[in-house]
């Protein structure tokens, strides 16, 4: 590989020359510095790289496992980087899982792709001048969030949707097992750094909102009950009875009902619910006239029905409330804090209600001072979610079955206070029937792409408000 300047600053001090040698030796490249086995988590490491590189581009491979570059792959990356004037470039790739080579497509990095776990793959190509400029603009010293800080400072990030290399997969967990990594309590210090980086970016961009909220005016509408538990369901004959009974068991000093929107189930769920209605008049069993509703559409049907109460409180058909006081605590928070939305805390359990890792998910990243900004970084806001119906009827949820609640939470947080309850109110049951238990890479990408679009639209709206966030 004539003309390539190789730095191998292994974080462990071990010899990882096998990684460098596994880069294609049949091609000659000039103007590229290649580093492998490099952890980009710390600002100190980034500064050392910025001081060391002397070529036009720097290619960084972040793993310490063997890497196989495709034929003329580096040529292709350099050509696209030159043609597009890319500051940072990444590419689709293959992963080796045992002896099987699998495609690992990535998604485009949008303006609103502000989550800190965006998947760029393990091979990153930077224009050295952009890399140095970005690193030298960093004023804070981070132990974990340096790469996140760096990529938020890259103006032109290019995705090459071609399979240019093969890496060894080191995380073979299913999608459902990875879903809550970002709120795992053991990662709290990492999350604090990530929040600092995101907040600084939003301030630079002019999209940061100060904690100044519109007041939630008392509703002039008349409601049949104070609160409605809303349960959208499709083919959950095994779990929906537990959910409904959990809602009915609530002890309150106000009237409430349970609105179950049965989205044309065909596994016995409809018959089960029809039987339950005959035994408790508080159950409202709705079957949509339309056949094109997602979860968000089912929520809209419930919220706009004559049976809906002043507050609508979420309960998924897989899950249960942690005790009989959940509904009372939610309504009390609405009344005390005059907020438009309330989010609680949940416990991860297996199907039999035994606690499982990562345990209690309290979304401590949500604070009165910065929660509405940090909401653009994380992939969810917590559970159970509850809404002031008078406001919800003016906003509505997108008619999707993924991200609909997150989209609404972002929209509400742009203007209104969101109340938080840090007591465990909800048990999130993980089992093989969960819709997100084992998603393939295409579905994971589609979900992430949609949430990134939601964030992009919200970022654009907040840029119009201005940096001060005055309502």
Protein backbone atom coordinates (compact mmCIF):
# COMPACT_ATOMS: atom_id res chain seq x y z
CA UNK A 1 0.00 0.00 0.00
CA UNK A 2 2.53 2.52 -1.16
CA UNK A 3 2.00 6.05 0.00
CA UNK A 4 -0.22 5.22 2.98
CA UNK A 5 0.84 6.64 6.32
CA UNK A 6 -0.33 4.22 9.02
CA UNK A 7 -0.90 5.14 12.65
CA UNK A 8 -2.00 2.38 15.00
CA UNK A 9 -2.62 3.99 18.40
CA UNK A 10 -4.30 0.95 19.93
CA UNK A 11 -6.16 1.84 23.09
CA UNK A 12 -5.12 -1.46 24.66
CA UNK A 13 -1.49 -1.26 23.60
CA UNK A 14 -1.85 -4.62 21.82
CA UNK A 15 -0.49 -5.32 18.34
CA UNK A 16 -3.35 -4.92 15.87
CA UNK A 17 -1.27 -4.94 12.72
CA UNK A 18 -3.46 -7.77 11.44
CA UNK A 19 -6.24 -5.22 11.04
CA UNK A 20 -4.08 -2.93 8.93
CA UNK A 21 -2.65 -5.82 6.91
CA UNK A 22 -6.16 -7.00 6.11
CA UNK A 23 -6.78 -3.82 4.11
CA UNK A 24 -6.43 -4.62 0.41
CA UNK A 25 -2.73 -4.77 -0.54
CA UNK A 26 -3.39 -4.99 -4.26
CA UNK A 27 -4.11 -1.29 -4.63
CA UNK A 28 -1.90 1.74 -4.06
CA UNK A 29 -3.32 4.83 -2.45
CA UNK A 30 -1.82 8.24 -1.91
CA UNK A 31 -3.12 11.10 0.19
CA UNK A 32 -4.72 8.86 2.81
CA UNK A 33 -3.83 8.30 6.44
CA UNK A 34 -5.27 5.05 7.80
CA UNK A 35 -5.80 4.43 11.49
CA UNK A 36 -7.29 1.25 12.88
CA UNK A 37 -8.39 -0.05 16.23
CA UNK A 38 -8.97 3.53 17.34
CA UNK A 39 -11.52 4.52 19.94
CA UNK A 40 -12.91 7.95 19.13
CA UNK A 41 -14.73 8.39 22.43
CA UNK A 42 -12.28 10.83 24.03
CA UNK A 43 -11.46 14.35 22.91
CA UNK A 44 -7.83 13.70 23.79
CA UNK A 45 -7.66 10.95 21.17
CA UNK A 46 -9.19 13.18 18.51
CA UNK A 47 -6.67 15.90 19.24
CA UNK A 48 -3.79 13.46 18.94
CA UNK A 49 -5.10 12.31 15.55
CA UNK A 50 -5.60 15.88 14.34
CA UNK A 51 -2.00 16.69 15.25
CA UNK A 52 -0.63 13.56 13.57
CA UNK A 53 -2.36 13.38 10.20
CA UNK A 54 -0.59 14.94 7.25
CA UNK A 55 -2.44 13.49 4.26
CA UNK A 56 -5.56 14.91 2.58
CA UNK A 57 -7.88 12.27 4.06
CA UNK A 58 -7.88 10.17 7.19
CA UNK A 59 -9.62 6.79 7.22
CA UNK A 60 -10.44 5.38 10.65
CA UNK A 61 -11.44 1.81 11.39
CA UNK A 62 -12.85 1.63 14.90
CA UNK A 63 -12.78 -2.09 15.63
CA UNK A 64 -9.88 -4.33 16.57
CA UNK A 65 -11.21 -7.24 14.54
CA UNK A 66 -10.01 -8.18 11.03
CA UNK A 67 -11.42 -6.01 8.25
CA UNK A 68 -11.76 -6.93 4.58
CA UNK A 69 -12.04 -4.04 2.14
CA UNK A 70 -13.85 -4.70 -1.13
CA UNK A 71 -12.11 -4.52 -4.51
CA UNK A 72 -11.16 -0.89 -5.21
CA UNK A 73 -13.31 0.13 -2.23
CA UNK A 74 -10.90 2.80 -0.99
CA UNK A 75 -10.63 4.17 -4.52
CA UNK A 76 -14.42 4.43 -4.57
CA UNK A 77 -14.63 6.16 -1.19
CA UNK A 78 -11.98 8.69 -2.18
CA UNK A 79 -13.62 9.37 -5.54
CA UNK A 80 -17.03 10.02 -3.96
CA UNK A 81 -15.44 12.17 -1.25
CA UNK A 82 -13.73 14.28 -3.87
CA UNK A 83 -16.81 14.54 -6.10
CA UNK A 84 -19.11 15.55 -3.24
CA UNK A 85 -16.59 17.59 -1.23
CA UNK A 86 -17.50 15.38 1.72
CA UNK A 87 -16.25 16.33 5.16
CA UNK A 88 -17.15 12.84 6.41
CA UNK A 89 -18.09 9.72 4.46
CA UNK A 90 -19.43 6.30 5.45
CA UNK A 91 -20.65 3.26 3.52
CA UNK A 92 -22.86 0.21 3.64
CA UNK A 93 -21.02 -3.01 4.39
CA UNK A 94 -21.23 -6.73 5.07
CA UNK A 95 -20.98 -8.37 8.47
CA UNK A 96 -19.64 -11.83 9.14
CA UNK A 97 -21.78 -13.72 11.65
CA UNK A 98 -19.96 -16.98 12.09
CA UNK A 99 -19.34 -18.14 8.53
CA UNK A 100 -22.30 -16.22 7.08
CA UNK A 101 -21.79 -12.94 5.22
CA UNK A 102 -24.80 -10.65 5.69
CA UNK A 103 -25.65 -7.31 4.16
CA UNK A 104 -25.67 -4.40 6.59
CA UNK A 105 -27.25 -1.39 4.86
CA UNK A 106 -27.13 2.01 6.56
CA UNK A 107 -29.37 5.07 6.24
CA UNK A 108 -28.73 8.67 5.23
CA UNK A 109 -27.71 11.08 7.98
CA UNK A 110 -30.35 13.82 7.95
CA UNK A 111 -30.21 17.23 9.60
CA UNK A 112 -32.32 15.89 12.43
CA UNK A 113 -30.32 12.69 12.93
CA UNK A 114 -29.27 13.95 16.34
CA UNK A 115 -29.39 10.66 18.23
CA UNK A 116 -25.98 9.73 19.55
CA UNK A 117 -26.29 6.07 18.52
CA UNK A 118 -26.55 6.70 14.77
CA UNK A 119 -25.03 3.76 12.89
CA UNK A 120 -22.22 4.92 10.59
CA UNK A 121 -20.50 1.54 10.52
CA UNK A 122 -16.93 1.03 11.69
CA UNK A 123 -15.10 2.62 8.73
CA UNK A 124 -15.14 6.43 8.59
CA UNK A 125 -13.39 8.64 6.04
CA UNK A 126 -12.74 12.27 6.99
CA UNK A 127 -11.31 15.15 5.01
CA UNK A 128 -8.29 15.96 7.14
CA UNK A 129 -8.77 19.73 6.96
CA UNK A 130 -12.39 19.36 8.14
CA UNK A 131 -11.32 16.91 10.85
CA UNK A 132 -8.65 19.30 12.19
CA UNK A 133 -10.94 22.32 12.02
CA UNK A 134 -13.71 20.52 13.91
CA UNK A 135 -11.39 19.14 16.58
CA UNK A 136 -9.73 22.51 17.15
CA UNK A 137 -13.17 24.08 17.67
CA UNK A 138 -13.91 21.68 20.53
CA UNK A 139 -13.53 23.45 23.87
CA UNK A 140 -14.78 20.73 26.21
CA UNK A 141 -12.91 17.54 27.14
CA UNK A 142 -15.08 14.46 26.81
CA UNK A 143 -14.34 10.92 27.89
CA UNK A 144 -17.15 9.22 25.89
CA UNK A 145 -18.87 11.74 23.61
CA UNK A 146 -16.02 12.99 21.40
CA UNK A 147 -17.07 11.20 18.20
CA UNK A 148 -20.65 12.45 18.67
CA UNK A 149 -19.30 15.97 19.09
CA UNK A 150 -17.10 15.56 16.01
CA UNK A 151 -19.79 14.34 13.65
CA UNK A 152 -22.21 17.12 14.73
CA UNK A 153 -19.51 19.56 13.55
CA UNK A 154 -19.27 17.94 10.10
CA UNK A 155 -21.22 20.01 7.57
CA UNK A 156 -21.29 17.59 4.63
CA UNK A 157 -21.75 13.95 5.65
CA UNK A 158 -22.05 11.59 2.68
CA UNK A 159 -23.51 8.09 2.72
CA UNK A 160 -22.28 5.70 0.02
CA UNK A 161 -25.03 3.12 -0.31
CA UNK A 162 -22.69 0.49 -1.73
CA UNK A 163 -21.26 -2.50 0.17
CA UNK A 164 -17.59 -1.54 0.41
CA UNK A 165 -16.17 -3.68 3.22
CA UNK A 166 -16.76 -6.67 5.47
CA UNK A 167 -16.40 -6.60 9.24
CA UNK A 168 -16.94 -9.17 11.97
CA UNK A 169 -20.17 -8.69 13.93
CA UNK A 170 -19.40 -8.45 17.63
CA UNK A 171 -22.92 -7.70 18.95
CA UNK A 172 -25.25 -10.57 18.10
CA UNK A 173 -28.15 -9.53 20.33
CA UNK A 174 -31.64 -9.25 18.85
CA UNK A 175 -33.07 -5.79 18.17
CA UNK A 176 -35.34 -5.96 21.23
CA UNK A 177 -32.35 -6.66 23.46
CA UNK A 178 -30.52 -3.55 22.21
CA UNK A 179 -33.51 -1.23 22.29
CA UNK A 180 -32.97 0.18 25.77
CA UNK A 181 -29.18 0.53 25.79
CA UNK A 182 -29.38 4.30 25.62
CA UNK A 183 -31.37 4.53 28.87
CA UNK A 184 -29.59 1.78 30.77
CA UNK A 185 -28.88 3.30 34.21
CA UNK A 186 -25.29 2.05 34.11
CA UNK A 187 -24.65 4.36 31.15
CA UNK A 188 -25.82 7.49 32.98
CA UNK A 189 -22.48 9.33 32.91
CA UNK A 190 -22.15 8.65 29.19
CA UNK A 191 -25.62 10.06 28.62
CA UNK A 192 -24.80 13.24 30.54
CA UNK A 193 -21.89 13.89 28.18
CA UNK A 194 -24.03 13.17 25.14
CA UNK A 195 -26.65 15.62 26.37
CA UNK A 196 -24.02 18.33 26.81
CA UNK A 197 -22.83 17.81 23.23
CA UNK A 198 -26.35 17.90 21.78
CA UNK A 199 -27.29 20.99 23.77
CA UNK A 200 -24.19 22.82 22.59
CA UNK A 201 -25.01 21.89 18.99
CA UNK A 202 -28.60 23.16 19.27
CA UNK A 203 -27.34 26.44 20.69
CA UNK A 204 -24.85 26.83 17.83
CA UNK A 205 -27.59 26.03 15.31
CA UNK A 206 -30.12 28.40 16.87
CA UNK A 207 -32.62 25.66 17.71
CA UNK A 208 -32.18 25.51 21.49
CA UNK A 209 -35.31 26.32 23.50
CA UNK A 210 -35.17 27.83 26.95
CA UNK A 211 -37.55 26.52 29.66
CA UNK A 212 -40.35 28.96 28.86
CA UNK A 213 -43.72 27.30 28.31
CA UNK A 214 -47.19 28.22 27.16
CA UNK A 215 -49.72 27.93 29.97
CA UNK A 216 -52.24 25.12 29.64
CA UNK A 217 -55.62 26.78 29.95
CA UNK A 218 -58.48 24.99 31.73
CA UNK A 219 -60.55 23.12 29.19
CA UNK A 220 -64.00 24.47 28.34
CA UNK A 221 -65.11 21.09 27.03
CA UNK A 222 -67.39 18.77 28.95
CA UNK A 223 -66.02 15.27 29.42
CA UNK A 224 -67.91 12.13 30.53
CA UNK A 225 -65.08 11.06 32.84
CA UNK A 226 -61.87 12.54 34.24
CA UNK A 227 -59.51 10.02 32.65
CA UNK A 228 -59.54 7.41 29.92
CA UNK A 229 -57.02 4.60 29.64
CA UNK A 230 -56.43 4.07 25.90
CA UNK A 231 -55.39 0.61 24.71
CA UNK A 232 -54.93 0.06 20.96
CA UNK A 233 -54.83 -3.65 20.19
CA UNK A 234 -54.39 -6.01 17.28
CA UNK A 235 -54.18 -9.77 17.82
CA UNK A 236 -53.15 -9.83 21.45
CA UNK A 237 -55.52 -12.47 22.81
CA UNK A 238 -52.73 -13.69 25.10
CA UNK A 239 -52.08 -10.34 26.81
CA UNK A 240 -54.93 -7.86 26.37
CA UNK A 241 -57.03 -9.21 29.24
CA UNK A 242 -54.16 -8.55 31.66
CA UNK A 243 -53.85 -5.01 30.33
CA UNK A 244 -57.57 -4.23 30.62
CA UNK A 245 -57.84 -5.72 34.09
CA UNK A 246 -54.81 -3.71 35.18
CA UNK A 247 -56.57 -0.54 34.04
CA UNK A 248 -59.86 -1.50 35.70
CA UNK A 249 -58.07 -2.16 39.01
CA UNK A 250 -57.10 1.51 39.43
CA UNK A 251 -58.21 3.15 42.70
CA UNK A 252 -59.26 6.75 42.08
CA UNK A 253 -61.48 9.43 43.58
CA UNK A 254 -62.67 10.38 40.08
CA UNK A 255 -64.54 8.53 37.33
CA UNK A 256 -62.56 6.83 34.56
CA UNK A 257 -63.06 4.39 31.73
CA UNK A 258 -60.97 2.12 29.51
CA UNK A 259 -61.17 2.66 25.74
CA UNK A 260 -59.90 -0.37 23.83
CA UNK A 261 -59.49 0.25 20.09
CA UNK A 262 -59.59 -3.19 18.50
CA UNK A 263 -57.99 -2.80 15.07
CA UNK A 264 -59.84 -5.71 13.39
CA UNK A 265 -58.21 -8.54 15.33
CA UNK A 266 -58.76 -12.06 14.03
CA UNK A 267 -57.14 -14.22 16.72
CA UNK A 268 -59.94 -14.20 19.33
CA UNK A 269 -59.11 -10.76 20.78
CA UNK A 270 -62.41 -9.28 19.55
CA UNK A 271 -64.50 -12.03 21.11
CA UNK A 272 -62.58 -11.79 24.39
CA UNK A 273 -63.16 -8.04 24.60
CA UNK A 274 -66.83 -8.38 23.68
CA UNK A 275 -67.26 -10.73 26.63
CA UNK A 276 -65.39 -8.39 29.00
CA UNK A 277 -67.65 -5.47 28.03
CA UNK A 278 -70.69 -7.38 29.30
CA UNK A 279 -69.09 -7.62 32.73
CA UNK A 280 -67.89 -4.02 33.24
CA UNK A 281 -69.57 -0.95 31.77
CA UNK A 282 -66.33 1.06 32.11
CA UNK A 283 -64.89 -0.79 29.10
CA UNK A 284 -65.50 0.96 25.77
CA UNK A 285 -64.76 -1.45 22.90
CA UNK A 286 -64.23 0.43 19.63
CA UNK A 287 -63.73 -1.26 16.26
CA UNK A 288 -62.69 1.28 13.60
CA UNK A 289 -64.83 1.68 10.48
CA UNK A 290 -61.60 2.29 8.57
CA UNK A 291 -59.08 -0.43 7.77
CA UNK A 292 -56.01 1.79 7.29
CA UNK A 293 -55.31 2.82 10.88
CA UNK A 294 -51.97 2.42 12.58
CA UNK A 295 -51.50 2.80 16.32
CA UNK A 296 -51.58 6.59 15.98
CA UNK A 297 -54.84 6.43 14.06
CA UNK A 298 -56.36 4.18 16.74
CA UNK A 299 -55.37 6.74 19.35
CA UNK A 300 -57.00 9.52 17.35
CA UNK A 301 -60.21 7.48 17.14
CA UNK A 302 -60.24 7.01 20.91
CA UNK A 303 -59.39 10.62 21.74
CA UNK A 304 -62.07 12.05 19.43
CA UNK A 305 -64.76 9.67 20.65
CA UNK A 306 -67.55 10.95 22.88
CA UNK A 307 -66.41 8.51 25.58
CA UNK A 308 -62.96 10.07 26.06
CA UNK A 309 -62.15 11.77 29.32
CA UNK A 310 -60.28 14.98 30.12
CA UNK A 311 -56.97 13.07 30.21
CA UNK A 312 -55.95 10.14 28.02
CA UNK A 313 -53.45 7.70 29.54
CA UNK A 314 -51.48 5.14 27.54
CA UNK A 315 -51.39 1.41 28.16
CA UNK A 316 -50.04 -0.98 25.54
CA UNK A 317 -51.85 -4.26 25.08
CA UNK A 318 -48.70 -6.19 26.12
CA UNK A 319 -48.20 -4.32 29.38
CA UNK A 320 -49.75 -3.58 32.78
CA UNK A 321 -49.69 -0.80 35.34
CA UNK A 322 -47.38 -1.45 38.28
CA UNK A 323 -50.11 -0.90 40.87
CA UNK A 324 -53.59 0.52 41.50
CA UNK A 325 -52.34 4.09 42.01
CA UNK A 326 -50.94 4.82 38.53
CA UNK A 327 -53.97 6.69 37.20
CA UNK A 328 -54.34 8.77 40.36
CA UNK A 329 -50.69 9.85 40.27
CA UNK A 330 -50.94 10.84 36.61
CA UNK A 331 -54.06 12.97 37.09
CA UNK A 332 -52.59 14.57 40.23
CA UNK A 333 -49.52 15.60 38.22
CA UNK A 334 -51.67 17.18 35.51
CA UNK A 335 -53.56 19.20 38.09
CA UNK A 336 -50.53 20.28 40.08
CA UNK A 337 -48.16 21.13 37.23
CA UNK A 338 -50.69 22.48 34.68
CA UNK A 339 -48.87 20.54 31.96
CA UNK A 340 -50.00 19.24 28.57
CA UNK A 341 -48.40 15.81 28.88
CA UNK A 342 -47.20 13.55 31.69
CA UNK A 343 -44.58 10.80 31.36
CA UNK A 344 -43.93 8.20 34.01
CA UNK A 345 -41.28 5.58 34.81
CA UNK A 346 -41.38 1.91 33.89
CA UNK A 347 -39.88 -1.40 34.97
CA UNK A 348 -38.66 -3.93 32.41
CA UNK A 349 -40.05 -7.41 33.13
CA UNK A 350 -40.42 -10.75 31.41
CA UNK A 351 -43.85 -12.14 30.56
CA UNK A 352 -44.28 -13.48 34.10
CA UNK A 353 -43.55 -10.05 35.63
CA UNK A 354 -40.03 -10.89 36.81
CA UNK A 355 -37.68 -7.87 36.58
CA UNK A 356 -35.12 -8.10 33.78
CA UNK A 357 -32.21 -5.88 32.69
CA UNK A 358 -31.83 -2.99 32.32
CA UNK A 359 -34.38 -2.70 35.13
CA UNK A 360 -36.05 0.61 35.93
CA UNK A 361 -36.14 3.09 33.03
CA UNK A 362 -36.72 6.54 34.48
CA UNK A 363 -35.47 8.76 31.63
CA UNK A 364 -33.51 10.97 34.00
CA UNK A 365 -32.28 12.86 30.95
CA UNK A 366 -35.62 14.67 31.00
CA UNK A 367 -35.29 17.80 33.12
CA UNK A 368 -37.39 20.93 33.40
CA UNK A 369 -34.42 23.00 32.23
CA UNK A 370 -33.33 20.97 29.21
CA UNK A 371 -35.70 18.08 28.59
CA UNK A 372 -37.37 19.63 25.56
CA UNK A 373 -33.94 19.99 23.91
CA UNK A 374 -32.57 16.62 24.96
CA UNK A 375 -35.73 15.02 23.56
CA UNK A 376 -34.22 15.53 20.10
CA UNK A 377 -31.29 13.26 21.03
CA UNK A 378 -33.04 10.27 22.60
CA UNK A 379 -35.31 7.77 20.86
CA UNK A 380 -38.24 7.90 23.28
CA UNK A 381 -39.69 9.79 26.22
CA UNK A 382 -40.79 7.06 28.62
CA UNK A 383 -44.01 5.40 29.77
CA UNK A 384 -46.79 5.62 30.59
CA UNK A 385 -47.54 8.67 28.48
CA UNK A 386 -50.61 10.73 29.17
CA UNK A 387 -52.11 13.76 27.45
CA UNK A 388 -54.48 16.64 28.09
CA UNK A 389 -57.22 15.73 25.62
CA UNK A 390 -58.19 19.32 24.78
CA UNK A 391 -54.66 19.85 23.40
CA UNK A 392 -54.36 16.39 21.90
CA UNK A 393 -57.54 16.93 19.86
CA UNK A 394 -55.90 19.94 18.17
CA UNK A 395 -52.59 18.19 17.41
CA UNK A 396 -53.47 14.52 16.78
CA UNK A 397 -50.99 11.71 16.28
CA UNK A 398 -49.48 10.63 12.96
CA UNK A 399 -51.24 7.56 11.61
CA UNK A 400 -48.28 5.23 11.99
CA UNK A 401 -47.48 2.22 14.16
CA UNK A 402 -44.00 3.34 15.13
CA UNK A 403 -42.79 6.68 16.49
CA UNK A 404 -46.27 8.19 16.69
CA UNK A 405 -46.00 8.88 20.42
CA UNK A 406 -42.47 10.28 20.05
CA UNK A 407 -43.60 12.64 17.30
CA UNK A 408 -46.41 13.91 19.51
CA UNK A 409 -44.10 14.29 22.50
CA UNK A 410 -41.66 16.41 20.49
CA UNK A 411 -44.50 18.57 19.18
CA UNK A 412 -45.94 19.12 22.65
CA UNK A 413 -42.53 19.85 24.19
CA UNK A 414 -41.95 22.60 21.63
CA UNK A 415 -44.61 24.69 23.38
CA UNK A 416 -45.81 23.10 26.60
CA UNK A 417 -44.46 21.71 29.85
CA UNK A 418 -44.24 17.94 30.15
CA UNK A 419 -44.66 16.66 33.69
CA UNK A 420 -42.48 13.81 34.92
CA UNK A 421 -43.16 11.10 37.51
CA UNK A 422 -40.12 9.16 38.67
CA UNK A 423 -42.05 6.50 40.60
CA UNK A 424 -42.44 3.21 38.73
CA UNK A 425 -45.95 3.32 37.28
CA UNK A 426 -45.76 0.78 34.48
CA UNK A 427 -44.43 -2.69 33.71
CA UNK A 428 -43.09 -3.14 30.18
CA UNK A 429 -43.30 -6.86 29.48
CA UNK A 430 -40.78 -8.32 27.05
CA UNK A 431 -41.74 -11.55 25.34
CA UNK A 432 -41.41 -13.26 21.98
CA UNK A 433 -44.64 -11.68 20.75
CA UNK A 434 -43.46 -8.07 21.10
CA UNK A 435 -43.62 -6.30 17.76
CA UNK A 436 -40.00 -5.12 18.17
CA UNK A 437 -38.54 -8.28 19.70
CA UNK A 438 -36.42 -9.37 16.73
CA UNK A 439 -36.50 -6.91 13.84
CA UNK A 440 -34.35 -7.42 10.76
CA UNK A 441 -31.92 -4.69 9.66
CA UNK A 442 -34.34 -3.34 7.04
CA UNK A 443 -37.08 -2.75 9.64
CA UNK A 444 -34.62 -1.26 12.14
CA UNK A 445 -33.41 1.11 9.43
CA UNK A 446 -36.96 2.06 8.43
CA UNK A 447 -37.84 2.84 12.05
CA UNK A 448 -34.70 4.89 12.58
CA UNK A 449 -35.16 6.73 9.28
CA UNK A 450 -38.69 7.74 10.28
CA UNK A 451 -37.67 8.99 13.71
CA UNK A 452 -34.80 10.94 12.15
CA UNK A 453 -37.33 12.56 9.82
CA UNK A 454 -39.51 13.44 12.79
CA UNK A 455 -36.50 15.09 14.42
CA UNK A 456 -35.62 16.89 11.18
CA UNK A 457 -39.10 18.39 10.90
CA UNK A 458 -39.05 19.37 14.57
CA UNK A 459 -35.59 20.92 14.22
CA UNK A 460 -36.84 23.00 11.30
CA UNK A 461 -39.80 24.20 13.35
CA UNK A 462 -37.59 25.14 16.28
CA UNK A 463 -35.18 27.03 14.04
CA UNK A 464 -38.11 29.27 13.09
CA UNK A 465 -38.81 29.96 16.75
CA UNK A 466 -35.23 31.09 17.28
CA UNK A 467 -32.50 30.44 19.77
CA UNK A 468 -34.31 32.03 22.74
CA UNK A 469 -37.38 29.84 22.46
CA UNK A 470 -39.81 32.55 23.50
CA UNK A 471 -43.38 31.47 22.91
